[in-house]
Protein backbone atom coordinates (compact mmCIF):
# COMPACT_ATOMS: atom_id res chain seq x y z
CA MET A 1 12.89 -33.52 -47.57
CA ALA A 2 10.06 -36.24 -46.51
CA ASP A 3 7.09 -36.83 -48.07
CA LYS A 4 4.12 -36.86 -46.49
CA HIS A 5 3.87 -40.59 -45.18
CA GLY A 6 6.62 -39.31 -43.49
CA ARG A 7 9.66 -41.71 -45.12
CA ILE A 8 12.94 -41.41 -45.41
CA GLN A 9 14.87 -38.21 -48.38
CA GLN A 10 18.36 -37.93 -48.87
CA ALA A 11 20.43 -35.34 -50.19
CA ARG A 12 24.18 -34.73 -50.58
CA VAL A 13 25.66 -32.65 -47.01
CA PRO A 14 24.59 -29.47 -48.25
CA GLY A 15 28.54 -27.87 -48.64
CA ASP A 16 28.34 -24.58 -48.24
CA LEU A 17 26.64 -25.70 -44.31
CA ILE A 18 30.60 -27.48 -43.19
CA GLU A 19 33.43 -25.05 -42.97
CA VAL A 20 36.45 -26.71 -41.31
CA GLY A 21 36.78 -25.78 -37.42
CA GLN A 22 33.72 -25.78 -37.10
CA SER A 23 30.95 -28.89 -35.72
CA LEU A 24 28.34 -30.19 -37.78
CA PRO A 25 24.91 -29.06 -37.84
CA PHE A 26 23.75 -32.57 -39.03
CA ASP A 27 24.62 -36.81 -39.00
CA VAL A 28 26.51 -37.37 -42.25
CA PHE A 29 25.86 -40.81 -43.64
CA ALA A 30 27.47 -43.17 -46.32
CA ASP A 31 24.60 -43.76 -49.05
CA ARG A 32 24.74 -47.28 -47.72
CA GLY A 33 22.83 -45.68 -44.23
CA PHE A 34 26.02 -45.90 -41.92
CA LEU A 35 26.37 -42.70 -39.58
CA LEU A 36 29.85 -40.81 -40.93
CA MET A 37 29.88 -38.73 -38.56
CA LYS A 38 27.80 -37.07 -35.70
CA LYS A 39 26.42 -34.35 -35.49
CA GLY A 40 28.29 -31.78 -33.72
CA HIS A 41 32.01 -33.03 -34.24
CA TYR A 42 34.32 -31.36 -35.34
CA VAL A 43 35.44 -31.10 -38.79
CA LEU A 44 39.29 -31.11 -38.80
CA THR A 45 40.58 -30.29 -41.81
CA ASP A 46 40.29 -29.15 -45.88
CA GLU A 47 40.48 -32.99 -46.64
CA GLN A 48 38.37 -34.48 -44.01
CA LYS A 49 35.69 -31.23 -45.14
CA ARG A 50 35.60 -32.18 -49.65
CA LYS A 51 35.33 -36.66 -48.01
CA LEU A 52 31.88 -35.11 -46.38
CA GLU A 53 30.66 -32.80 -48.95
CA ARG A 54 31.77 -35.98 -51.65
CA VAL A 55 30.46 -39.49 -50.06
CA GLY A 56 28.17 -37.76 -47.30
CA VAL A 57 24.21 -37.60 -47.33
CA THR A 58 21.90 -36.28 -44.66
CA GLN A 59 18.83 -38.19 -44.21
CA PHE A 60 15.45 -36.94 -43.20
CA VAL A 61 11.78 -37.54 -41.83
CA THR A 62 8.85 -35.56 -41.39
CA GLU A 63 7.42 -37.83 -38.15
CA GLU A 64 3.88 -40.05 -38.64
CA LYS A 65 0.99 -38.74 -35.80
CA THR A 66 0.77 -41.71 -34.03
CA ASP A 67 -0.43 -42.78 -29.75
CA GLU A 68 2.08 -45.42 -30.56
CA GLY A 69 5.33 -46.49 -28.61
CA PHE A 70 8.12 -47.73 -31.11
CA TYR A 71 9.20 -51.86 -29.90
CA SER A 72 12.35 -50.02 -28.46
CA ASP A 73 14.49 -47.45 -27.15
CA THR A 74 16.31 -47.16 -30.90
CA ALA A 75 13.23 -46.75 -32.66
CA ALA A 76 13.09 -43.83 -33.59
CA GLU A 77 16.35 -43.93 -34.71
CA ASP A 78 17.16 -46.39 -36.94
CA LYS A 79 12.97 -44.81 -37.99
CA ARG A 80 15.10 -42.79 -40.48
CA LEU A 81 16.90 -45.49 -42.24
CA LEU A 82 14.72 -47.88 -43.28
CA PRO A 83 15.29 -48.46 -47.40
CA GLY A 84 14.67 -50.81 -49.62
CA PRO A 85 12.79 -53.82 -48.34
CA PHE A 86 13.02 -52.54 -44.90
CA ASP A 87 10.35 -49.25 -45.89
CA GLU A 88 7.91 -51.88 -48.39
CA MET A 89 7.84 -53.47 -45.31
CA SER A 90 6.79 -50.89 -42.51
CA HIS A 91 4.76 -50.00 -45.46
CA LEU A 92 2.94 -53.48 -45.15
CA TYR A 93 2.67 -53.20 -41.36
CA LEU A 94 0.43 -49.89 -41.14
CA ARG A 95 -1.61 -50.49 -44.40
CA THR A 96 -2.02 -54.28 -42.13
CA ARG A 97 -2.47 -52.14 -38.74
CA ALA A 98 -5.46 -49.92 -40.54
CA LEU A 99 -7.30 -52.60 -41.66
CA LEU A 100 -7.06 -54.62 -37.93
CA ARG A 101 -8.32 -51.56 -36.56
CA GLN A 102 -10.38 -50.17 -38.38
CA ALA A 103 -11.94 -53.77 -39.66
CA MET A 104 -16.00 -52.72 -39.21
CA HIS A 105 -14.85 -48.76 -41.33
CA VAL A 106 -13.34 -50.55 -43.95
CA LYS A 107 -15.06 -49.94 -47.18
CA ASP A 108 -13.85 -53.66 -48.99
CA PHE A 109 -12.74 -54.44 -46.49
CA SER A 110 -11.56 -58.37 -48.11
CA GLY A 111 -10.66 -56.77 -50.53
CA SER A 112 -8.53 -54.66 -49.27
CA VAL A 113 -6.61 -58.00 -46.93
CA GLN A 114 -6.29 -59.19 -50.25
CA SER A 115 -4.30 -56.19 -51.61
CA VAL A 116 -1.92 -56.59 -48.84
CA ALA A 117 -1.90 -60.63 -49.43
CA GLN A 118 -1.18 -59.88 -53.60
CA SER A 119 2.44 -57.56 -52.39
CA ILE A 120 3.23 -59.11 -50.10
CA LEU A 121 3.40 -62.43 -52.89
CA GLN A 122 4.97 -60.52 -55.23
CA LEU A 123 7.73 -58.93 -53.17
CA ALA A 124 8.44 -62.82 -51.84
CA GLN A 125 8.65 -63.71 -55.56
CA THR A 126 11.08 -61.36 -56.78
CA GLN A 127 12.69 -60.74 -53.77
CA PRO A 128 13.12 -63.26 -51.77
CA ASP A 129 16.48 -63.28 -49.65
CA ALA A 130 15.96 -59.00 -49.22
CA VAL A 131 12.02 -60.53 -48.15
CA VAL A 132 13.32 -62.66 -44.65
CA ALA A 133 16.08 -59.89 -44.18
CA ALA A 134 13.38 -57.84 -43.53
CA ILE A 135 11.47 -60.66 -41.81
CA LEU A 136 14.36 -60.70 -39.53
CA LEU A 137 15.59 -56.65 -39.41
CA ALA A 138 12.88 -54.28 -39.93
CA PRO A 139 11.25 -52.52 -37.34
CA PHE A 140 9.28 -52.08 -36.26
CA ARG A 141 6.09 -50.04 -34.11
CA GLU A 142 3.87 -52.15 -33.26
CA TYR A 143 3.38 -55.87 -32.47
CA ALA A 144 0.21 -57.15 -34.15
CA PRO A 145 0.39 -56.40 -37.37
CA ALA A 146 3.77 -56.56 -37.81
CA HIS A 147 3.65 -60.23 -36.76
CA ALA A 148 0.17 -60.59 -39.10
CA VAL A 149 2.91 -59.72 -41.49
CA HIS A 150 6.19 -62.19 -41.01
CA THR A 151 3.75 -65.51 -41.11
CA ALA A 152 2.05 -63.82 -44.42
CA ALA A 153 5.81 -63.32 -45.59
CA LEU A 154 6.94 -66.52 -44.54
CA LEU A 155 3.52 -68.09 -45.83
CA ALA A 156 4.24 -66.86 -49.26
CA LEU A 157 8.01 -67.80 -49.23
CA LEU A 158 6.56 -71.83 -48.18
CA THR A 159 4.40 -71.73 -50.90
CA ARG A 160 6.19 -70.63 -53.71
CA ARG A 161 6.87 -74.28 -54.73
CA MET A 162 3.89 -75.48 -53.67
CA THR A 163 0.75 -76.93 -55.92
CA LEU A 164 -1.97 -75.10 -54.71
CA PRO A 165 -4.88 -73.21 -55.96
CA PRO A 166 -3.70 -69.32 -56.31
CA HIS A 167 -6.68 -68.75 -55.26
CA HIS A 168 -6.23 -70.81 -51.55
CA ARG A 169 -2.92 -69.56 -51.39
CA GLU A 170 -3.93 -66.03 -51.42
CA ILE A 171 -6.73 -66.75 -48.71
CA LEU A 172 -3.71 -68.20 -46.86
CA LEU A 173 -1.96 -65.41 -46.37
CA CYS A 174 -5.48 -63.43 -45.74
CA ALA A 175 -5.28 -65.55 -42.88
CA ALA A 176 -2.09 -65.02 -41.41
CA LEU A 177 -3.00 -61.35 -41.38
CA THR A 178 -5.94 -61.62 -39.69
CA MET A 179 -5.74 -64.32 -37.45
CA ASN A 180 -6.04 -61.77 -34.29
CA ILE A 181 -7.88 -59.58 -35.09
CA ALA A 182 -9.60 -60.00 -32.30
CA GLN A 183 -6.44 -59.57 -29.50
CA VAL A 184 -4.82 -56.74 -31.64
CA GLU A 185 -4.65 -55.19 -28.16
CA LEU A 186 -3.80 -58.01 -26.55
CA GLN A 187 -0.48 -58.37 -28.99
CA ASN A 188 1.16 -55.31 -27.90
CA GLU A 189 0.39 -56.24 -24.92
CA LEU A 190 2.18 -59.09 -24.05
CA PHE A 191 4.88 -58.64 -26.73
CA ALA A 192 6.42 -56.30 -23.37
CA GLN A 193 4.63 -58.19 -20.40
CA GLN A 194 7.33 -60.81 -18.91
CA GLU A 195 4.86 -61.52 -16.01
CA ALA A 196 2.42 -64.59 -16.39
CA LEU A 197 -0.62 -64.29 -18.03
CA SER A 198 -3.52 -63.20 -16.09
CA THR A 199 -6.85 -65.58 -16.43
CA ALA A 200 -8.31 -62.78 -18.41
CA GLN A 201 -5.71 -62.78 -21.07
CA GLN A 202 -6.32 -66.95 -20.70
CA ASP A 203 -9.66 -66.58 -21.61
CA GLU A 204 -8.87 -63.97 -24.38
CA ILE A 205 -5.90 -66.06 -25.83
CA LYS A 206 -8.44 -69.15 -25.69
CA SER A 207 -11.14 -67.32 -27.31
CA HIS A 208 -9.67 -64.74 -30.15
CA PRO A 209 -9.53 -67.59 -32.92
CA LEU A 210 -14.04 -67.83 -33.08
CA LEU A 211 -14.19 -64.17 -31.86
CA GLY A 212 -11.54 -62.86 -34.75
CA SER A 213 -13.68 -65.47 -37.22
CA ALA A 214 -16.84 -63.06 -36.23
CA ILE A 215 -15.50 -59.45 -36.94
CA LEU A 216 -14.72 -61.17 -39.71
CA ARG A 217 -17.79 -61.61 -40.96
CA GLU A 218 -19.56 -58.22 -39.08
CA ALA A 219 -16.25 -56.52 -41.79
CA GLY A 220 -17.78 -58.98 -45.06
CA VAL A 221 -15.43 -61.19 -45.85
CA GLU A 222 -17.47 -64.55 -46.74
CA ASP A 223 -14.52 -67.00 -47.61
CA GLU A 224 -15.11 -69.83 -45.56
CA LEU A 225 -11.80 -71.25 -46.40
CA TRP A 226 -10.38 -68.17 -44.97
CA HIS A 227 -12.16 -68.45 -41.06
CA THR A 228 -11.69 -72.46 -41.41
CA LEU A 229 -8.21 -70.77 -40.95
CA VAL A 230 -8.34 -68.16 -38.74
CA GLN A 231 -10.75 -70.75 -35.96
CA THR A 232 -8.49 -73.42 -36.25
CA HIS A 233 -5.02 -72.07 -36.86
CA HIS A 234 -3.87 -72.80 -33.12
CA GLU A 235 -4.77 -76.60 -33.99
CA SER A 236 -2.08 -78.18 -33.31
CA TRP A 237 -0.95 -81.76 -34.24
CA VAL A 238 -0.67 -83.62 -30.50
CA GLY A 239 -4.28 -82.91 -29.50
CA ASN A 240 -3.66 -79.95 -27.06
CA GLY A 241 -4.64 -77.08 -29.52
CA TYR A 242 -7.48 -74.68 -29.16
CA PRO A 243 -10.80 -73.92 -29.64
CA PHE A 244 -11.42 -77.35 -30.37
CA ALA A 245 -8.24 -79.93 -28.86
CA LEU A 246 -8.48 -81.11 -33.18
CA LYS A 247 -7.57 -84.74 -33.53
CA ARG A 248 -3.96 -84.97 -35.80
CA ASP A 249 -6.41 -85.83 -39.01
CA GLN A 250 -8.84 -82.84 -38.59
CA ILE A 251 -6.67 -80.57 -39.16
CA LEU A 252 -6.37 -78.82 -42.54
CA PRO A 253 -3.21 -78.63 -44.01
CA PRO A 254 -2.98 -75.27 -44.63
CA ALA A 255 -4.36 -74.35 -40.81
CA HIS A 256 -0.94 -76.87 -40.28
CA ILE A 257 1.76 -74.81 -41.76
CA LEU A 258 -0.96 -71.65 -40.41
CA HIS A 259 0.26 -72.38 -37.25
CA LEU A 260 4.10 -73.85 -37.75
CA ALA A 261 4.59 -70.22 -39.70
CA ASP A 262 3.20 -68.68 -36.62
CA ILE A 263 4.94 -70.61 -34.27
CA VAL A 264 8.74 -69.24 -36.33
CA CYS A 265 7.59 -66.07 -36.64
CA ALA A 266 6.74 -65.92 -32.61
CA LYS A 267 10.66 -67.50 -32.15
CA LEU A 268 11.81 -65.40 -34.27
CA THR A 269 10.78 -62.01 -32.55
CA PRO A 270 12.30 -59.96 -30.27
CA ARG A 271 10.35 -58.76 -27.30
CA ARG A 272 10.94 -55.45 -25.14
CA TYR A 273 12.85 -57.74 -22.25
CA ARG A 274 14.28 -60.64 -24.68
CA SER A 275 16.46 -60.65 -27.88
CA ALA A 276 15.45 -62.74 -30.74
CA LEU A 277 15.91 -66.71 -30.26
CA LEU A 278 18.81 -66.76 -33.25
CA PRO A 279 17.50 -68.51 -36.82
CA ALA A 280 19.78 -71.17 -36.52
CA THR A 281 18.24 -72.04 -33.01
CA ALA A 282 14.53 -71.81 -33.57
CA LEU A 283 14.70 -73.60 -36.58
CA GLY A 284 16.32 -76.28 -34.82
CA GLN A 285 13.38 -76.39 -32.40
CA ILE A 286 11.28 -76.30 -35.28
CA PHE A 287 13.22 -78.76 -36.34
CA GLN A 288 13.45 -81.48 -33.62
CA ARG A 289 9.33 -81.45 -33.23
CA LYS A 290 8.90 -82.79 -36.90
CA ASP A 291 6.53 -85.13 -38.22
CA ALA A 292 5.69 -85.30 -33.47
CA GLU A 293 4.34 -81.85 -33.95
CA PHE A 294 5.50 -80.86 -37.28
CA ASP A 295 4.44 -82.42 -40.61
CA GLU A 296 8.00 -83.52 -41.11
CA ALA A 297 7.80 -81.58 -45.25
CA PHE A 298 6.53 -78.54 -44.33
CA THR A 299 9.11 -78.58 -41.33
CA THR A 300 11.51 -79.72 -44.09
CA LEU A 301 10.74 -77.53 -47.10
CA LEU A 302 11.21 -74.44 -44.21
CA ILE A 303 14.95 -75.53 -43.50
CA LYS A 304 14.55 -76.39 -47.28
CA GLU A 305 13.13 -72.26 -48.24
CA LEU A 306 15.31 -69.67 -44.70
CA GLY A 307 18.35 -72.50 -45.71
CA ILE A 308 20.88 -73.04 -42.58
CA TYR A 309 22.09 -68.88 -41.68
CA PRO A 310 19.31 -67.13 -43.28
CA PRO A 311 19.44 -63.95 -45.30
CA GLY A 312 19.23 -61.69 -42.50
CA SER A 313 20.89 -63.62 -40.06
CA PHE A 314 24.20 -62.73 -38.33
CA VAL A 315 27.95 -64.94 -38.24
CA LYS A 316 31.38 -65.12 -37.60
CA LEU A 317 33.52 -65.70 -40.73
CA ALA A 318 36.61 -67.38 -40.51
CA SER A 319 38.50 -63.94 -41.20
CA GLN A 320 37.54 -63.44 -37.25
CA GLU A 321 34.51 -61.16 -38.86
CA ILE A 322 31.14 -60.09 -37.41
CA GLY A 323 28.96 -59.97 -40.63
CA VAL A 324 25.04 -60.42 -41.62
CA VAL A 325 23.81 -63.12 -44.55
CA THR A 326 22.77 -61.26 -47.29
CA TYR A 327 22.12 -64.25 -50.24
CA ARG A 328 21.82 -67.76 -49.94
CA GLY A 329 24.45 -69.55 -51.18
CA ASN A 330 24.43 -72.51 -53.74
CA LYS A 331 24.77 -74.56 -50.78
CA PRO A 332 23.18 -73.79 -47.65
CA SER A 333 26.46 -73.32 -45.66
CA THR A 334 28.12 -70.90 -48.46
CA PRO A 335 25.83 -67.71 -48.56
CA GLN A 336 27.46 -64.08 -49.05
CA VAL A 337 28.03 -62.32 -46.27
CA ALA A 338 28.16 -58.55 -45.20
CA ALA A 339 31.50 -58.12 -43.50
CA LEU A 340 30.42 -55.16 -40.57
CA ARG A 341 33.53 -54.86 -38.07
CA LYS A 342 36.53 -57.39 -37.35
CA ILE A 343 34.96 -59.69 -33.84
CA ASP A 344 37.12 -56.95 -31.70
CA GLY A 345 36.81 -53.49 -33.66
CA PRO A 346 35.06 -50.93 -34.55
CA ALA A 347 31.98 -51.01 -37.59
CA TYR A 348 33.75 -50.28 -40.88
CA ALA A 349 31.68 -47.72 -43.24
CA GLU A 350 31.03 -49.50 -45.84
CA PRO A 351 30.05 -53.37 -45.75
CA LEU A 352 32.44 -55.96 -47.23
CA ILE A 353 31.23 -57.78 -49.81
CA ARG A 354 32.08 -61.37 -48.49
CA GLU A 355 31.56 -64.62 -50.76
CA ALA A 356 31.81 -67.91 -47.44
CA ARG A 357 32.54 -71.01 -50.13
CA ASN A 358 35.79 -69.00 -50.48
CA PRO A 359 37.27 -70.47 -47.39
CA ALA A 360 38.84 -66.93 -45.64
CA PHE A 361 35.67 -66.51 -45.33
CA LYS A 362 33.70 -69.59 -44.54
CA VAL A 363 31.21 -68.99 -41.17
CA LEU A 364 32.41 -70.48 -38.61
CA GLU A 365 29.12 -69.61 -36.40
CA PRO A 366 26.22 -67.89 -36.19
CA CYS A 367 25.98 -64.93 -33.58
CA SER A 368 23.73 -61.92 -32.14
CA SER A 369 22.99 -58.92 -34.19
CA GLN A 370 24.65 -56.61 -30.73
CA LEU A 371 27.65 -58.07 -31.86
CA SER A 372 27.64 -57.29 -35.18
CA GLY A 373 28.50 -53.04 -33.58
CA VAL A 374 25.41 -51.32 -36.20
CA ARG A 375 21.90 -51.40 -35.56
CA PRO A 376 19.82 -53.76 -37.64
CA GLY A 377 18.18 -50.43 -39.03
CA TYR A 378 20.71 -49.70 -40.36
CA LEU A 379 20.67 -52.49 -42.85
CA GLY A 380 18.13 -52.59 -45.31
CA ARG A 381 20.15 -51.20 -48.22
CA LEU A 382 21.75 -53.89 -48.89
CA TRP A 383 19.20 -55.62 -50.24
CA LYS A 384 18.06 -54.34 -53.26
CA LEU A 385 14.97 -53.86 -54.67
């Protein structure tokens, strides 16, 4: 049964509800979330019934009450299949959404945001590959809180090996979580908007860093570094940032890396009207702008931390298979990959683990998730928490 938060619950297939010659009354999944047999299809043999009873599970969810739409027409289906790190990321989205929308009504707002930041730091420390995969693949209902969590999570990864005071690292994540508190509704609106920005939208965007800082003060945030980062997270090394148009030497390094993470996560996230950029493409675009627009040390760290083929990205293998990268290998070009299908075949019932260091399973090139034959929300159990 589903729990009170609407999370996924699983149960073994009840054998007494499966009859040979009759249609299935529910979908049956493998324990990794792959659909074995769809509701309404007929069970034709005793052997087929025994297999469904032996390896199949049913999955139930109680829908959470919300007036917000899902990010795509298939997200409601994906929600049934949010295991492992995706479920954890979804919980962080909900916590952040509540904080951004109810800042004035949250007792100890500052401490609550810090608690979310600490959860992200812990997850990044213990399961970095799962975090990267969740940034790329975990379904979300609302763009604004998802983007905030993605940016904070990427910063948690990038700062793992930096020598920073612990308090500064946590505050950096807090700034990422709250940098857009003044434009939550606008961000959600722009998520689906293809046409050019209106004058009113442009004005709201330009004013949100200072207005966001003001909202945070009203909500009880007193840390001045936090305010400075929120106020300057759109300042650019090329001098065309806002709201102050600061010069390169006037921008604090933590504000600069926040700006970088903000841009990277925006590139990696799909919109309603377009797919996300391939991770390799997005990272390549950032790296080409090193030293001119972004600190070369930070862009190098970004590539080193995410790799050529980040966990959660899709690739073509020498074995003529399409797979999703699960874990980074000893070399950037040799990750572990879960093969999902032959290029010209249907999705496998279960993913097959391939080591790209084996020439037979060498990664040939990155590819779109659309070639996988599997919805991203089905893949969470490839990473264990």
